[in-house]
Amino acid sequence: SARPTRKGSSRYTLLRGSYGHGEALAKVLSTLDRRGSGKLGWVDP
């Protein structure tokens, strides 16, 4: 709900999470060109 922080306070802003498809998601996103105009290519695995 707000900018999360690495420290424990991020659990107070957590609305929803997804933890079940991490490897497959990383595989799909790794095919994107980081130099392109899109946003998903900038996701750091």
All heavy atoms as atom14 arrays in JSON, in Angstrom:
{
  "sequence": "SARPTRKGSSRYTLLRGSYGHGEALAKVLSTLDRRGSGKLGWVDP",
  "atom14_mask": [
    [1, 1, 1, 1, 1, 1, 0, 0, 0, 0, 0, 0, 0, 0],
    [1, 1, 1, 1, 1, 0, 0, 0, 0, 0, 0, 0, 0, 0],
    [1, 1, 1, 1, 1, 1, 1, 1, 1, 1, 1, 0, 0, 0],
    [1, 1, 1, 1, 1, 1, 1, 0, 0, 0, 0, 0, 0, 0],
    [1, 1, 1, 1, 1, 1, 1, 0, 0, 0, 0, 0, 0, 0],
    [1, 1, 1, 1, 1, 1, 1, 1, 1, 1, 1, 0, 0, 0],
    [1, 1, 1, 1, 1, 1, 1, 1, 1, 0, 0, 0, 0, 0],
    [1, 1, 1, 1, 0, 0, 0, 0, 0, 0, 0, 0, 0, 0],
    [1, 1, 1, 1, 1, 1, 0, 0, 0, 0, 0, 0, 0, 0],
    [1, 1, 1, 1, 1, 1, 0, 0, 0, 0, 0, 0, 0, 0],
    [1, 1, 1, 1, 1, 1, 1, 1, 1, 1, 1, 0, 0, 0],
    [1, 1, 1, 1, 1, 1, 1, 1, 1, 1, 1, 1, 0, 0],
    [1, 1, 1, 1, 1, 1, 1, 0, 0, 0, 0, 0, 0, 0],
    [1, 1, 1, 1, 1, 1, 1, 1, 0, 0, 0, 0, 0, 0],
    [1, 1, 1, 1, 1, 1, 1, 1, 0, 0, 0, 0, 0, 0],
    [1, 1, 1, 1, 1, 1, 1, 1, 1, 1, 1, 0, 0, 0],
    [1, 1, 1, 1, 0, 0, 0, 0, 0, 0, 0, 0, 0, 0],
    [1, 1, 1, 1, 1, 1, 0, 0, 0, 0, 0, 0, 0, 0],
    [1, 1, 1, 1, 1, 1, 1, 1, 1, 1, 1, 1, 0, 0],
    [1, 1, 1, 1, 0, 0, 0, 0, 0, 0, 0, 0, 0, 0],
    [1, 1, 1, 1, 1, 1, 1, 1, 1, 1, 0, 0, 0, 0],
    [1, 1, 1, 1, 0, 0, 0, 0, 0, 0, 0, 0, 0, 0],
    [1, 1, 1, 1, 1, 1, 1, 1, 1, 0, 0, 0, 0, 0],
    [1, 1, 1, 1, 1, 0, 0, 0, 0, 0, 0, 0, 0, 0],
    [1, 1, 1, 1, 1, 1, 1, 1, 0, 0, 0, 0, 0, 0],
    [1, 1, 1, 1, 1, 0, 0, 0, 0, 0, 0, 0, 0, 0],
    [1, 1, 1, 1, 1, 1, 1, 1, 1, 0, 0, 0, 0, 0],
    [1, 1, 1, 1, 1, 1, 1, 0, 0, 0, 0, 0, 0, 0],
    [1, 1, 1, 1, 1, 1, 1, 1, 0, 0, 0, 0, 0, 0],
    [1, 1, 1, 1, 1, 1, 0, 0, 0, 0, 0, 0, 0, 0],
    [1, 1, 1, 1, 1, 1, 1, 0, 0, 0, 0, 0, 0, 0],
    [1, 1, 1, 1, 1, 1, 1, 1, 0, 0, 0, 0, 0, 0],
    [1, 1, 1, 1, 1, 1, 1, 1, 0, 0, 0, 0, 0, 0],
    [1, 1, 1, 1, 1, 1, 1, 1, 1, 1, 1, 0, 0, 0],
    [1, 1, 1, 1, 1, 1, 1, 1, 1, 1, 1, 0, 0, 0],
    [1, 1, 1, 1, 0, 0, 0, 0, 0, 0, 0, 0, 0, 0],
    [1, 1, 1, 1, 1, 1, 0, 0, 0, 0, 0, 0, 0, 0],
    [1, 1, 1, 1, 0, 0, 0, 0, 0, 0, 0, 0, 0, 0],
    [1, 1, 1, 1, 1, 1, 1, 1, 1, 0, 0, 0, 0, 0],
    [1, 1, 1, 1, 1, 1, 1, 1, 0, 0, 0, 0, 0, 0],
    [1, 1, 1, 1, 0, 0, 0, 0, 0, 0, 0, 0, 0, 0],
    [1, 1, 1, 1, 1, 1, 1, 1, 1, 1, 1, 1, 1, 1],
    [1, 1, 1, 1, 1, 1, 1, 0, 0, 0, 0, 0, 0, 0],
    [1, 1, 1, 1, 1, 1, 1, 1, 0, 0, 0, 0, 0, 0],
    [1, 1, 1, 1, 1, 1, 1, 0, 0, 0, 0, 0, 0, 0]
  ],
  "atom14_positions": [
    [[0.81, -1.22, 0.0], [0.0, 0.0, 0.0], [0.85, 1.27, 0.0], [0.35, 2.35, -0.29], [-0.94, 0.01, 1.21], [-0.18, -0.02, 2.41], [0.0, 0.0, 0.0], [0.0, 0.0, 0.0], [0.0, 0.0, 0.0], [0.0, 0.0, 0.0], [0.0, 0.0, 0.0], [0.0, 0.0, 0.0], [0.0, 0.0, 0.0], [0.0, 0.0, 0.0]],
    [[2.13, 1.14, 0.33], [3.08, 2.25, 0.32], [4.44, 1.68, -0.04], [4.62, 0.47, -0.1], [3.13, 2.91, 1.7], [0.0, 0.0, 0.0], [0.0, 0.0, 0.0], [0.0, 0.0, 0.0], [0.0, 0.0, 0.0], [0.0, 0.0, 0.0], [0.0, 0.0, 0.0], [0.0, 0.0, 0.0], [0.0, 0.0, 0.0], [0.0, 0.0, 0.0]],
    [[5.4, 2.54, -0.26], [6.74, 2.08, -0.64], [7.3, 1.16, 0.45], [7.46, 1.59, 1.6], [7.67, 3.27, -0.86], [9.01, 2.88, -1.43], [9.84, 4.12, -1.74], [11.09, 3.75, -2.33], [11.31, 3.62, -3.63], [10.33, 3.88, -4.47], [12.47, 3.27, -4.09], [0.0, 0.0, 0.0], [0.0, 0.0, 0.0], [0.0, 0.0, 0.0]],
    [[7.6, -0.1, 0.1], [8.1, -1.03, 1.12], [9.56, -0.77, 1.44], [10.3, -0.18, 0.66], [7.93, -2.39, 0.45], [8.02, -2.1, -1.01], [7.43, -0.72, -1.2], [0.0, 0.0, 0.0], [0.0, 0.0, 0.0], [0.0, 0.0, 0.0], [0.0, 0.0, 0.0], [0.0, 0.0, 0.0], [0.0, 0.0, 0.0], [0.0, 0.0, 0.0]],
    [[9.95, -1.21, 2.63], [11.34, -1.13, 3.04], [11.83, -2.53, 3.35], [11.05, -3.44, 3.62], [11.49, -0.26, 4.3], [10.72, -0.84, 5.36], [11.02, 1.16, 4.04], [0.0, 0.0, 0.0], [0.0, 0.0, 0.0], [0.0, 0.0, 0.0], [0.0, 0.0, 0.0], [0.0, 0.0, 0.0], [0.0, 0.0, 0.0], [0.0, 0.0, 0.0]],
    [[13.12, -2.72, 3.31], [13.71, -4.02, 3.58], [13.55, -4.44, 5.03], [13.47, -5.6, 5.35], [15.21, -4.0, 3.26], [15.54, -4.52, 1.92], [15.36, -6.0, 1.94], [15.74, -6.58, 0.68], [15.29, -7.73, 0.28], [14.46, -8.43, 0.99], [15.67, -8.23, -0.86], [0.0, 0.0, 0.0], [0.0, 0.0, 0.0], [0.0, 0.0, 0.0]],
    [[13.47, -3.51, 5.9], [13.34, -3.83, 7.32], [11.94, -4.37, 7.61], [11.06, -4.31, 6.77], [13.64, -2.59, 8.15], [14.96, -1.96, 7.76], [15.77, -1.58, 8.92], [16.99, -0.87, 8.41], [18.2, -1.23, 8.74], [0.0, 0.0, 0.0], [0.0, 0.0, 0.0], [0.0, 0.0, 0.0], [0.0, 0.0, 0.0], [0.0, 0.0, 0.0]],
    [[11.69, -4.87, 8.77], [10.45, -5.53, 9.13], [9.17, -4.73, 8.94], [8.09, -5.28, 8.93], [0.0, 0.0, 0.0], [0.0, 0.0, 0.0], [0.0, 0.0, 0.0], [0.0, 0.0, 0.0], [0.0, 0.0, 0.0], [0.0, 0.0, 0.0], [0.0, 0.0, 0.0], [0.0, 0.0, 0.0], [0.0, 0.0, 0.0], [0.0, 0.0, 0.0]],
    [[9.28, -3.41, 8.77], [8.08, -2.59, 8.65], [7.31, -2.83, 7.35], [6.16, -2.44, 7.24], [8.43, -1.12, 8.78], [9.28, -0.72, 7.73], [0.0, 0.0, 0.0], [0.0, 0.0, 0.0], [0.0, 0.0, 0.0], [0.0, 0.0, 0.0], [0.0, 0.0, 0.0], [0.0, 0.0, 0.0], [0.0, 0.0, 0.0], [0.0, 0.0, 0.0]],
    [[7.9, -3.5, 6.38], [7.21, -3.72, 5.11], [6.01, -4.64, 5.28], [5.09, -4.6, 4.47], [8.16, -4.27, 4.05], [8.56, -5.58, 4.38], [0.0, 0.0, 0.0], [0.0, 0.0, 0.0], [0.0, 0.0, 0.0], [0.0, 0.0, 0.0], [0.0, 0.0, 0.0], [0.0, 0.0, 0.0], [0.0, 0.0, 0.0], [0.0, 0.0, 0.0]],
    [[5.98, -5.44, 6.32], [4.83, -6.32, 6.51], [3.57, -5.54, 6.83], [2.46, -6.01, 6.62], [5.12, -7.37, 7.57], [5.2, -6.85, 8.97], [5.42, -8.0, 9.97], [5.53, -7.5, 11.3], [6.66, -7.21, 11.92], [7.81, -7.41, 11.3], [6.66, -6.76, 13.15], [0.0, 0.0, 0.0], [0.0, 0.0, 0.0], [0.0, 0.0, 0.0]],
    [[3.71, -4.31, 7.32], [2.55, -3.48, 7.64], [1.89, -2.91, 6.39], [0.72, -2.53, 6.44], [2.94, -2.34, 8.58], [3.47, -2.83, 9.89], [4.78, -2.59, 10.26], [2.66, -3.56, 10.76], [5.28, -3.06, 11.47], [3.15, -4.03, 11.97], [4.46, -3.78, 12.32], [4.95, -4.25, 13.51], [0.0, 0.0, 0.0], [0.0, 0.0, 0.0]],
    [[2.62, -2.83, 5.3], [2.07, -2.3, 4.06], [1.69, -3.39, 3.07], [1.14, -3.1, 2.01], [3.07, -1.34, 3.39], [4.26, -2.05, 3.06], [3.38, -0.15, 4.29], [0.0, 0.0, 0.0], [0.0, 0.0, 0.0], [0.0, 0.0, 0.0], [0.0, 0.0, 0.0], [0.0, 0.0, 0.0], [0.0, 0.0, 0.0], [0.0, 0.0, 0.0]],
    [[1.98, -4.64, 3.38], [1.72, -5.76, 2.47], [0.22, -5.96, 2.27], [-0.53, -6.13, 3.22], [2.36, -7.04, 3.01], [2.15, -8.3, 2.18], [2.81, -8.17, 0.81], [2.68, -9.52, 2.92], [0.0, 0.0, 0.0], [0.0, 0.0, 0.0], [0.0, 0.0, 0.0], [0.0, 0.0, 0.0], [0.0, 0.0, 0.0], [0.0, 0.0, 0.0]],
    [[-0.19, -5.95, 1.0], [-1.58, -6.21, 0.64], [-1.76, -7.64, 0.13], [-2.69, -8.32, 0.53], [-2.06, -5.22, -0.43], [-2.05, -3.74, -0.04], [-2.39, -2.87, -1.24], [-3.03, -3.5, 1.1], [0.0, 0.0, 0.0], [0.0, 0.0, 0.0], [0.0, 0.0, 0.0], [0.0, 0.0, 0.0], [0.0, 0.0, 0.0], [0.0, 0.0, 0.0]],
    [[-0.89, -8.07, -0.75], [-0.95, -9.41, -1.34], [0.43, -9.83, -1.8], [1.27, -8.99, -2.09], [-1.87, -9.43, -2.57], [-3.31, -9.31, -2.24], [-4.25, -9.21, -3.42], [-3.91, -9.92, -4.63], [-4.45, -9.66, -5.81], [-5.35, -8.71, -5.94], [-4.1, -10.35, -6.87], [0.0, 0.0, 0.0], [0.0, 0.0, 0.0], [0.0, 0.0, 0.0]],
    [[0.63, -11.14, -1.9], [1.9, -11.65, -2.38], [1.71, -12.81, -3.32], [0.66, -13.44, -3.35], [0.0, 0.0, 0.0], [0.0, 0.0, 0.0], [0.0, 0.0, 0.0], [0.0, 0.0, 0.0], [0.0, 0.0, 0.0], [0.0, 0.0, 0.0], [0.0, 0.0, 0.0], [0.0, 0.0, 0.0], [0.0, 0.0, 0.0], [0.0, 0.0, 0.0]],
    [[2.74, -13.09, -4.09], [2.77, -14.23, -4.99], [4.15, -14.87, -4.87], [5.16, -14.22, -5.15], [2.53, -13.78, -6.44], [2.75, -14.84, -7.33], [0.0, 0.0, 0.0], [0.0, 0.0, 0.0], [0.0, 0.0, 0.0], [0.0, 0.0, 0.0], [0.0, 0.0, 0.0], [0.0, 0.0, 0.0], [0.0, 0.0, 0.0], [0.0, 0.0, 0.0]],
    [[4.15, -16.14, -4.47], [5.43, -16.79, -4.18], [5.57, -18.15, -4.88], [6.56, -18.83, -4.68], [5.58, -16.98, -2.67], [5.26, -15.73, -1.88], [4.04, -15.59, -1.22], [6.16, -14.68, -1.82], [3.73, -14.44, -0.51], [5.86, -13.52, -1.12], [4.65, -13.41, -0.47], [4.34, -12.27, 0.23], [0.0, 0.0, 0.0], [0.0, 0.0, 0.0]],
    [[4.59, -18.55, -5.67], [4.57, -19.9, -6.2], [5.16, -20.13, -7.57], [5.41, -21.26, -7.95], [0.0, 0.0, 0.0], [0.0, 0.0, 0.0], [0.0, 0.0, 0.0], [0.0, 0.0, 0.0], [0.0, 0.0, 0.0], [0.0, 0.0, 0.0], [0.0, 0.0, 0.0], [0.0, 0.0, 0.0], [0.0, 0.0, 0.0], [0.0, 0.0, 0.0]],
    [[5.41, -19.07, -8.34], [5.88, -19.26, -9.72], [7.21, -18.56, -9.98], [7.49, -18.17, -11.11], [4.84, -18.71, -10.71], [3.51, -19.37, -10.63], [3.28, -20.62, -11.15], [2.34, -18.98, -10.07], [2.02, -20.96, -10.93], [1.43, -19.98, -10.27], [0.0, 0.0, 0.0], [0.0, 0.0, 0.0], [0.0, 0.0, 0.0], [0.0, 0.0, 0.0]],
    [[8.0, -18.39, -8.95], [9.21, -17.58, -9.05], [10.18, -17.97, -10.14], [10.67, -17.12, -10.88], [0.0, 0.0, 0.0], [0.0, 0.0, 0.0], [0.0, 0.0, 0.0], [0.0, 0.0, 0.0], [0.0, 0.0, 0.0], [0.0, 0.0, 0.0], [0.0, 0.0, 0.0], [0.0, 0.0, 0.0], [0.0, 0.0, 0.0], [0.0, 0.0, 0.0]],
    [[10.48, -19.25, -10.25], [11.46, -19.69, -11.25], [10.93, -19.51, -12.66], [11.65, -19.04, -13.55], [11.86, -21.14, -10.99], [12.72, -21.3, -9.76], [13.18, -22.74, -9.56], [13.36, -23.47, -10.55], [13.38, -23.11, -8.4], [0.0, 0.0, 0.0], [0.0, 0.0, 0.0], [0.0, 0.0, 0.0], [0.0, 0.0, 0.0], [0.0, 0.0, 0.0]],
    [[9.68, -19.88, -12.88], [9.09, -19.74, -14.22], [8.99, -18.26, -14.61], [9.24, -17.89, -15.76], [7.73, -20.41, -14.27], [0.0, 0.0, 0.0], [0.0, 0.0, 0.0], [0.0, 0.0, 0.0], [0.0, 0.0, 0.0], [0.0, 0.0, 0.0], [0.0, 0.0, 0.0], [0.0, 0.0, 0.0], [0.0, 0.0, 0.0], [0.0, 0.0, 0.0]],
    [[8.62, -17.42, -13.64], [8.53, -15.99, -13.92], [9.9, -15.42, -14.28], [10.04, -14.65, -15.22], [7.94, -15.25, -12.72], [7.78, -13.74, -12.86], [6.91, -13.38, -14.06], [7.22, -13.14, -11.58], [0.0, 0.0, 0.0], [0.0, 0.0, 0.0], [0.0, 0.0, 0.0], [0.0, 0.0, 0.0], [0.0, 0.0, 0.0], [0.0, 0.0, 0.0]],
    [[10.92, -15.8, -13.54], [12.28, -15.34, -13.84], [12.71, -15.78, -15.24], [13.33, -15.01, -15.98], [13.26, -15.86, -12.8], [0.0, 0.0, 0.0], [0.0, 0.0, 0.0], [0.0, 0.0, 0.0], [0.0, 0.0, 0.0], [0.0, 0.0, 0.0], [0.0, 0.0, 0.0], [0.0, 0.0, 0.0], [0.0, 0.0, 0.0], [0.0, 0.0, 0.0]],
    [[12.33, -16.98, -15.61], [12.68, -17.5, -16.93], [12.02, -16.68, -18.04], [12.67, -16.3, -19.01], [12.26, -18.96, -17.05], [12.6, -19.59, -18.36], [12.16, -21.04, -18.4], [12.41, -21.64, -19.77], [11.89, -23.0, -19.87], [0.0, 0.0, 0.0], [0.0, 0.0, 0.0], [0.0, 0.0, 0.0], [0.0, 0.0, 0.0], [0.0, 0.0, 0.0]],
    [[10.74, -16.38, -17.87], [10.02, -15.59, -18.87], [10.6, -14.19, -18.97], [10.87, -13.69, -20.06], [8.52, -15.52, -18.55], [7.81, -14.53, -19.45], [7.87, -16.88, -18.66], [0.0, 0.0, 0.0], [0.0, 0.0, 0.0], [0.0, 0.0, 0.0], [0.0, 0.0, 0.0], [0.0, 0.0, 0.0], [0.0, 0.0, 0.0], [0.0, 0.0, 0.0]],
    [[10.83, -13.54, -17.83], [11.33, -12.17, -17.85], [12.77, -12.07, -18.34], [13.18, -11.04, -18.86], [11.19, -11.54, -16.46], [9.76, -11.37, -15.95], [9.76, -10.69, -14.58], [8.9, -10.6, -16.93], [0.0, 0.0, 0.0], [0.0, 0.0, 0.0], [0.0, 0.0, 0.0], [0.0, 0.0, 0.0], [0.0, 0.0, 0.0], [0.0, 0.0, 0.0]],
    [[13.54, -13.15, -18.21], [14.93, -13.12, -18.66], [15.03, -13.06, -20.19], [16.1, -12.75, -20.72], [15.69, -14.33, -18.13], [15.26, -15.51, -18.76], [0.0, 0.0, 0.0], [0.0, 0.0, 0.0], [0.0, 0.0, 0.0], [0.0, 0.0, 0.0], [0.0, 0.0, 0.0], [0.0, 0.0, 0.0], [0.0, 0.0, 0.0], [0.0, 0.0, 0.0]],
    [[13.95, -13.33, -20.89], [13.98, -13.28, -22.35], [13.8, -11.87, -22.89], [13.98, -11.63, -24.08], [12.86, -14.17, -22.95], [11.58, -13.62, -22.58], [12.96, -15.6, -22.47], [0.0, 0.0, 0.0], [0.0, 0.0, 0.0], [0.0, 0.0, 0.0], [0.0, 0.0, 0.0], [0.0, 0.0, 0.0], [0.0, 0.0, 0.0], [0.0, 0.0, 0.0]],
    [[13.47, -10.93, -22.02], [13.21, -9.55, -22.45], [14.49, -8.76, -22.62], [15.47, -8.96, -21.88], [12.29, -8.86, -21.45], [10.93, -9.5, -21.27], [10.17, -8.8, -20.15], [10.14, -9.46, -22.56], [0.0, 0.0, 0.0], [0.0, 0.0, 0.0], [0.0, 0.0, 0.0], [0.0, 0.0, 0.0], [0.0, 0.0, 0.0], [0.0, 0.0, 0.0]],
    [[14.47, -7.82, -23.55], [15.61, -6.96, -23.81], [15.61, -5.79, -22.84], [14.68, -4.99, -22.82], [15.54, -6.44, -25.25], [16.73, -5.58, -25.63], [17.69, -5.47, -24.83], [16.71, -5.02, -26.74], [0.0, 0.0, 0.0], [0.0, 0.0, 0.0], [0.0, 0.0, 0.0], [0.0, 0.0, 0.0], [0.0, 0.0, 0.0], [0.0, 0.0, 0.0]],
    [[16.64, -5.73, -22.04], [16.74, -4.67, -21.02], [16.93, -3.29, -21.66], [16.66, -2.27, -21.06], [17.89, -4.98, -20.08], [17.87, -4.09, -18.89], [18.77, -4.56, -17.82], [18.48, -3.73, -16.66], [18.92, -3.9, -15.48], [19.71, -4.91, -15.25], [18.61, -3.1, -14.5], [0.0, 0.0, 0.0], [0.0, 0.0, 0.0], [0.0, 0.0, 0.0]],
    [[17.41, -3.26, -22.88], [17.63, -1.98, -23.56], [16.38, -1.47, -24.25], [16.36, -0.38, -24.79], [18.75, -2.12, -24.57], [20.1, -2.38, -23.9], [21.11, -2.82, -24.89], [20.73, -4.19, -25.27], [21.24, -4.88, -26.25], [22.16, -4.36, -27.0], [20.85, -6.11, -26.49], [0.0, 0.0, 0.0], [0.0, 0.0, 0.0], [0.0, 0.0, 0.0]],
    [[15.29, -2.26, -24.22], [14.05, -1.86, -24.86], [13.31, -0.8, -24.07], [13.73, -0.36, -23.01], [0.0, 0.0, 0.0], [0.0, 0.0, 0.0], [0.0, 0.0, 0.0], [0.0, 0.0, 0.0], [0.0, 0.0, 0.0], [0.0, 0.0, 0.0], [0.0, 0.0, 0.0], [0.0, 0.0, 0.0], [0.0, 0.0, 0.0], [0.0, 0.0, 0.0]],
    [[12.17, -0.42, -24.6], [11.4, 0.66, -23.97], [10.46, 0.16, -22.87], [9.87, 0.97, -22.17], [10.56, 1.37, -25.04], [9.65, 0.48, -25.62], [0.0, 0.0, 0.0], [0.0, 0.0, 0.0], [0.0, 0.0, 0.0], [0.0, 0.0, 0.0], [0.0, 0.0, 0.0], [0.0, 0.0, 0.0], [0.0, 0.0, 0.0], [0.0, 0.0, 0.0]],
    [[10.33, -1.13, -22.7], [9.41, -1.67, -21.71], [9.94, -1.61, -20.29], [11.11, -1.31, -20.05], [0.0, 0.0, 0.0], [0.0, 0.0, 0.0], [0.0, 0.0, 0.0], [0.0, 0.0, 0.0], [0.0, 0.0, 0.0], [0.0, 0.0, 0.0], [0.0, 0.0, 0.0], [0.0, 0.0, 0.0], [0.0, 0.0, 0.0], [0.0, 0.0, 0.0]],
    [[9.05, -1.88, -19.36], [9.39, -1.88, -17.93], [9.84, -3.25, -17.44], [10.71, -3.36, -16.59], [8.2, -1.42, -17.1], [7.82, 0.01, -17.32], [8.89, 0.9, -16.76], [8.53, 2.36, -16.9], [9.62, 3.22, -16.52], [0.0, 0.0, 0.0], [0.0, 0.0, 0.0], [0.0, 0.0, 0.0], [0.0, 0.0, 0.0], [0.0, 0.0, 0.0]],
    [[9.23, -4.31, -17.93], [9.52, -5.65, -17.4], [10.95, -6.1, -17.66], [11.49, -6.9, -16.89], [8.54, -6.67, -17.97], [7.1, -6.54, -17.47], [6.21, -7.55, -18.17], [7.03, -6.71, -15.96], [0.0, 0.0, 0.0], [0.0, 0.0, 0.0], [0.0, 0.0, 0.0], [0.0, 0.0, 0.0], [0.0, 0.0, 0.0], [0.0, 0.0, 0.0]],
    [[11.56, -5.59, -18.69], [12.96, -5.91, -18.96], [13.9, -5.42, -17.87], [15.02, -5.9, -17.73], [0.0, 0.0, 0.0], [0.0, 0.0, 0.0], [0.0, 0.0, 0.0], [0.0, 0.0, 0.0], [0.0, 0.0, 0.0], [0.0, 0.0, 0.0], [0.0, 0.0, 0.0], [0.0, 0.0, 0.0], [0.0, 0.0, 0.0], [0.0, 0.0, 0.0]],
    [[13.44, -4.47, -17.08], [14.25, -3.9, -16.0], [14.15, -4.67, -14.69], [14.85, -4.35, -13.72], [13.87, -2.45, -15.77], [14.43, -1.58, -16.85], [13.78, -1.16, -17.97], [15.76, -1.1, -16.95], [14.64, -0.43, -18.76], [15.86, -0.37, -18.14], [16.89, -1.21, -16.13], [17.04, 0.24, -18.56], [18.07, -0.59, -16.54], [18.13, 0.11, -17.73]],
    [[13.28, -5.67, -14.64], [13.17, -6.47, -13.42], [14.46, -7.26, -13.23], [14.89, -7.99, -14.12], [11.94, -7.41, -13.47], [11.93, -8.35, -12.27], [10.66, -6.6, -13.52], [0.0, 0.0, 0.0], [0.0, 0.0, 0.0], [0.0, 0.0, 0.0], [0.0, 0.0, 0.0], [0.0, 0.0, 0.0], [0.0, 0.0, 0.0], [0.0, 0.0, 0.0]],
    [[15.09, -7.08, -12.09], [16.36, -7.72, -11.78], [16.1, -9.07, -11.1], [15.58, -9.11, -9.99], [17.16, -6.81, -10.84], [18.53, -7.36, -10.48], [18.88, -8.47, -10.93], [19.26, -6.67, -9.75], [0.0, 0.0, 0.0], [0.0, 0.0, 0.0], [0.0, 0.0, 0.0], [0.0, 0.0, 0.0], [0.0, 0.0, 0.0], [0.0, 0.0, 0.0]],
    [[16.45, -10.19, -11.77], [16.19, -11.5, -11.17], [17.06, -11.8, -9.95], [16.81, -12.76, -9.23], [16.48, -12.47, -12.31], [17.42, -11.74, -13.2], [17.07, -10.29, -13.08], [0.0, 0.0, 0.0], [0.0, 0.0, 0.0], [0.0, 0.0, 0.0], [0.0, 0.0, 0.0], [0.0, 0.0, 0.0], [0.0, 0.0, 0.0], [0.0, 0.0, 0.0]]
  ]
}
